[in-house]
N, C-alpha and C. Protein backbone atom coordinates (compact mmCIF):
# COMPACT_ATOMS: atom_id res chain seq x y z
N GLU A 1 0.83 -1.19 0.00
CA GLU A 1 0.00 0.00 0.00
C GLU A 1 0.88 1.25 0.00
N LYS A 2 0.30 2.38 -0.32
CA LYS A 2 1.07 3.62 -0.43
C LYS A 2 1.74 4.03 0.87
N GLU A 3 1.06 3.81 2.00
CA GLU A 3 1.65 4.24 3.27
C GLU A 3 2.87 3.40 3.65
N ASP A 4 3.02 2.24 3.04
CA ASP A 4 4.17 1.39 3.32
C ASP A 4 5.30 1.58 2.32
N LEU A 5 5.09 2.40 1.32
CA LEU A 5 6.06 2.55 0.23
C LEU A 5 7.41 3.07 0.70
N THR A 6 7.43 4.08 1.53
CA THR A 6 8.70 4.65 2.00
C THR A 6 9.50 3.61 2.79
N ALA A 7 8.82 2.90 3.67
CA ALA A 7 9.50 1.86 4.45
C ALA A 7 10.01 0.74 3.56
N ALA A 8 9.23 0.37 2.56
CA ALA A 8 9.64 -0.69 1.64
C ALA A 8 10.86 -0.29 0.82
N ILE A 9 10.89 0.95 0.36
CA ILE A 9 12.04 1.44 -0.41
C ILE A 9 13.28 1.48 0.47
N SER A 10 13.12 1.94 1.70
CA SER A 10 14.26 1.98 2.63
C SER A 10 14.79 0.59 2.92
N LEU A 11 13.89 -0.34 3.16
CA LEU A 11 14.29 -1.72 3.43
C LEU A 11 15.00 -2.33 2.23
N ASN A 12 14.47 -2.10 1.04
CA ASN A 12 15.08 -2.63 -0.18
C ASN A 12 16.48 -2.05 -0.36
N SER A 13 16.64 -0.76 -0.16
CA SER A 13 17.93 -0.11 -0.31
C SER A 13 18.94 -0.65 0.71
N THR A 14 18.50 -0.80 1.94
CA THR A 14 19.37 -1.32 2.99
C THR A 14 19.85 -2.72 2.67
N LEU A 15 18.91 -3.59 2.28
CA LEU A 15 19.28 -4.97 1.97
C LEU A 15 20.21 -5.04 0.76
N PHE A 16 19.95 -4.22 -0.24
CA PHE A 16 20.79 -4.20 -1.43
C PHE A 16 22.22 -3.79 -1.08
N ASN A 17 22.36 -2.76 -0.27
CA ASN A 17 23.70 -2.29 0.10
C ASN A 17 24.42 -3.28 1.01
N ILE A 18 23.71 -3.93 1.90
CA ILE A 18 24.33 -4.98 2.73
C ILE A 18 24.82 -6.12 1.84
N ALA A 19 24.00 -6.49 0.85
CA ALA A 19 24.39 -7.57 -0.06
C ALA A 19 25.62 -7.19 -0.88
N ARG A 20 25.73 -5.92 -1.26
CA ARG A 20 26.89 -5.46 -2.02
C ARG A 20 28.18 -5.57 -1.22
N VAL A 21 28.08 -5.43 0.09
CA VAL A 21 29.27 -5.52 0.94
C VAL A 21 29.53 -6.96 1.37
N ALA A 22 28.49 -7.63 1.86
CA ALA A 22 28.66 -8.95 2.43
C ALA A 22 28.84 -10.04 1.37
N GLY A 23 28.19 -9.88 0.21
CA GLY A 23 28.25 -10.91 -0.82
C GLY A 23 29.65 -11.23 -1.30
N PRO A 24 30.40 -10.24 -1.78
CA PRO A 24 31.77 -10.53 -2.23
C PRO A 24 32.67 -11.04 -1.11
N ALA A 25 32.49 -10.52 0.10
CA ALA A 25 33.31 -10.99 1.22
C ALA A 25 33.02 -12.46 1.51
N LEU A 26 31.74 -12.80 1.55
CA LEU A 26 31.36 -14.20 1.80
C LEU A 26 31.83 -15.10 0.66
N ALA A 27 31.70 -14.63 -0.57
CA ALA A 27 32.15 -15.42 -1.72
C ALA A 27 33.66 -15.67 -1.66
N GLY A 28 34.43 -14.66 -1.27
CA GLY A 28 35.88 -14.84 -1.15
C GLY A 28 36.23 -15.88 -0.10
N ILE A 29 35.55 -15.82 1.03
CA ILE A 29 35.80 -16.81 2.09
C ILE A 29 35.42 -18.21 1.61
N LEU A 30 34.25 -18.33 0.94
CA LEU A 30 33.82 -19.64 0.47
C LEU A 30 34.73 -20.19 -0.62
N MET A 31 35.17 -19.32 -1.53
CA MET A 31 36.09 -19.78 -2.59
C MET A 31 37.40 -20.27 -2.00
N GLY A 32 37.88 -19.58 -0.98
CA GLY A 32 39.14 -19.98 -0.36
C GLY A 32 39.04 -21.27 0.44
N THR A 33 37.88 -21.50 1.05
CA THR A 33 37.75 -22.68 1.91
C THR A 33 37.10 -23.87 1.22
N LEU A 34 36.04 -23.64 0.45
CA LEU A 34 35.30 -24.76 -0.14
C LEU A 34 35.56 -24.96 -1.63
N GLY A 35 35.93 -23.91 -2.32
CA GLY A 35 36.14 -24.00 -3.76
C GLY A 35 35.03 -23.32 -4.52
N ILE A 36 35.28 -23.10 -5.80
CA ILE A 36 34.35 -22.36 -6.64
C ILE A 36 33.05 -23.12 -6.87
N ALA A 37 33.11 -24.43 -6.97
CA ALA A 37 31.90 -25.22 -7.23
C ALA A 37 30.84 -25.00 -6.15
N TRP A 38 31.28 -24.91 -4.90
CA TRP A 38 30.33 -24.68 -3.80
C TRP A 38 29.71 -23.29 -3.89
N CYS A 39 30.46 -22.32 -4.38
CA CYS A 39 29.90 -20.98 -4.57
C CYS A 39 28.74 -21.01 -5.57
N PHE A 40 28.92 -21.76 -6.66
CA PHE A 40 27.85 -21.89 -7.64
C PHE A 40 26.66 -22.65 -7.05
N ALA A 41 26.91 -23.65 -6.24
CA ALA A 41 25.83 -24.41 -5.61
C ALA A 41 25.02 -23.53 -4.66
N ILE A 42 25.70 -22.74 -3.87
CA ILE A 42 25.00 -21.84 -2.94
C ILE A 42 24.24 -20.78 -3.70
N ASN A 43 24.82 -20.27 -4.78
CA ASN A 43 24.13 -19.27 -5.61
C ASN A 43 22.85 -19.86 -6.20
N SER A 44 22.91 -21.12 -6.65
CA SER A 44 21.71 -21.74 -7.20
C SER A 44 20.63 -21.89 -6.14
N LEU A 45 21.02 -22.15 -4.90
CA LEU A 45 20.04 -22.24 -3.82
C LEU A 45 19.38 -20.88 -3.56
N SER A 46 20.14 -19.81 -3.73
CA SER A 46 19.53 -18.48 -3.53
C SER A 46 18.48 -18.21 -4.60
N PHE A 47 18.70 -18.68 -5.83
CA PHE A 47 17.70 -18.53 -6.87
C PHE A 47 16.48 -19.39 -6.56
N ALA A 48 16.70 -20.58 -6.01
CA ALA A 48 15.59 -21.46 -5.65
C ALA A 48 14.72 -20.78 -4.58
N ALA A 49 15.33 -20.08 -3.64
CA ALA A 49 14.56 -19.38 -2.60
C ALA A 49 13.66 -18.31 -3.22
N VAL A 50 14.17 -17.60 -4.22
CA VAL A 50 13.37 -16.57 -4.88
C VAL A 50 12.20 -17.22 -5.63
N ILE A 51 12.47 -18.31 -6.32
CA ILE A 51 11.41 -18.99 -7.07
C ILE A 51 10.32 -19.50 -6.13
N VAL A 52 10.72 -20.06 -5.00
CA VAL A 52 9.73 -20.54 -4.02
C VAL A 52 8.91 -19.37 -3.48
N SER A 53 9.56 -18.25 -3.18
CA SER A 53 8.81 -17.10 -2.66
C SER A 53 7.84 -16.55 -3.71
N LEU A 54 8.21 -16.58 -4.98
CA LEU A 54 7.30 -16.15 -6.04
C LEU A 54 6.11 -17.10 -6.15
N PHE A 55 6.34 -18.37 -5.88
CA PHE A 55 5.26 -19.36 -5.92
C PHE A 55 4.19 -19.03 -4.88
N PHE A 56 4.59 -18.49 -3.73
CA PHE A 56 3.65 -18.18 -2.66
C PHE A 56 3.07 -16.76 -2.74
N THR A 57 3.45 -16.00 -3.76
CA THR A 57 2.89 -14.66 -3.94
C THR A 57 1.48 -14.79 -4.49
N HIS A 58 0.56 -14.07 -3.90
CA HIS A 58 -0.84 -14.15 -4.31
C HIS A 58 -1.06 -13.30 -5.56
N PRO A 59 -1.63 -13.89 -6.61
CA PRO A 59 -1.85 -13.13 -7.86
C PRO A 59 -2.72 -11.89 -7.66
N ALA A 60 -3.67 -11.94 -6.72
CA ALA A 60 -4.54 -10.78 -6.50
C ALA A 60 -3.73 -9.58 -6.03
N ALA A 61 -2.70 -9.81 -5.24
CA ALA A 61 -1.85 -8.71 -4.76
C ALA A 61 -1.07 -8.09 -5.90
N ILE A 62 -0.69 -8.89 -6.86
CA ILE A 62 0.07 -8.39 -8.01
C ILE A 62 -0.85 -7.62 -8.95
N GLN A 63 -2.06 -8.08 -9.13
CA GLN A 63 -2.99 -7.46 -10.07
C GLN A 63 -3.30 -6.02 -9.71
N LYS A 64 -3.23 -5.65 -8.43
CA LYS A 64 -3.54 -4.29 -8.02
C LYS A 64 -2.56 -3.28 -8.61
N THR A 65 -1.32 -3.71 -8.85
CA THR A 65 -0.30 -2.78 -9.31
C THR A 65 -0.12 -2.79 -10.83
N VAL A 66 -0.72 -3.73 -11.53
CA VAL A 66 -0.57 -3.81 -12.98
C VAL A 66 -1.40 -2.70 -13.62
N GLN A 67 -0.78 -1.97 -14.55
CA GLN A 67 -1.46 -0.87 -15.21
C GLN A 67 -1.59 -1.17 -16.69
N THR A 68 -2.59 -0.58 -17.30
CA THR A 68 -2.71 -0.71 -18.74
C THR A 68 -1.66 0.16 -19.41
N GLY A 69 -1.40 -0.10 -20.66
CA GLY A 69 -0.40 0.66 -21.39
C GLY A 69 -0.71 2.14 -21.46
N GLN A 70 -1.98 2.49 -21.67
CA GLN A 70 -2.36 3.90 -21.77
C GLN A 70 -2.19 4.60 -20.43
N LYS A 71 -2.57 3.93 -19.35
CA LYS A 71 -2.45 4.53 -18.03
C LYS A 71 -0.97 4.73 -17.67
N ALA A 72 -0.14 3.75 -17.99
CA ALA A 72 1.29 3.87 -17.72
C ALA A 72 1.90 4.99 -18.56
N ALA A 73 1.52 5.09 -19.82
CA ALA A 73 2.04 6.14 -20.69
C ALA A 73 1.66 7.51 -20.16
N LYS A 74 0.42 7.65 -19.66
CA LYS A 74 -0.03 8.92 -19.09
C LYS A 74 0.81 9.29 -17.88
N ARG A 75 1.10 8.32 -17.02
CA ARG A 75 1.90 8.58 -15.82
C ARG A 75 3.34 8.95 -16.20
N ILE A 76 3.86 8.32 -17.23
CA ILE A 76 5.22 8.66 -17.68
C ILE A 76 5.25 10.10 -18.19
N ARG A 77 4.23 10.48 -18.99
CA ARG A 77 4.16 11.86 -19.49
C ARG A 77 4.06 12.85 -18.33
N GLU A 78 3.24 12.52 -17.32
CA GLU A 78 3.11 13.40 -16.17
C GLU A 78 4.44 13.53 -15.43
N GLY A 79 5.16 12.43 -15.30
CA GLY A 79 6.45 12.48 -14.62
C GLY A 79 7.47 13.31 -15.38
N LEU A 80 7.51 13.13 -16.70
CA LEU A 80 8.43 13.92 -17.53
C LEU A 80 8.07 15.39 -17.49
N SER A 81 6.76 15.69 -17.50
CA SER A 81 6.32 17.08 -17.40
C SER A 81 6.75 17.68 -16.07
N TYR A 82 6.64 16.92 -15.01
CA TYR A 82 7.07 17.39 -13.69
C TYR A 82 8.56 17.69 -13.68
N ILE A 83 9.35 16.82 -14.29
CA ILE A 83 10.80 17.02 -14.33
C ILE A 83 11.16 18.28 -15.11
N VAL A 84 10.50 18.48 -16.24
CA VAL A 84 10.78 19.64 -17.07
C VAL A 84 10.44 20.94 -16.34
N HIS A 85 9.33 20.93 -15.61
CA HIS A 85 8.90 22.16 -14.92
C HIS A 85 9.57 22.27 -13.58
């Protein structure tokens, strides 16, 4: 919902930046101790987690945010007009 948007953006940004720092460090440790093959195996498990979470996403929740092409084009024009002015 709109009232949760700011918190969601903040959470997404925080997690993204933590992943940018922790990911390469963890990968370096794993490559040094377990080898490259294990890094690929763990990476594939992370993709599996995303796929499973998408499986449990309710389609009705997604449908609320889907816009028609005309509506999206109108919003893009409004945004560009705002930027110009």
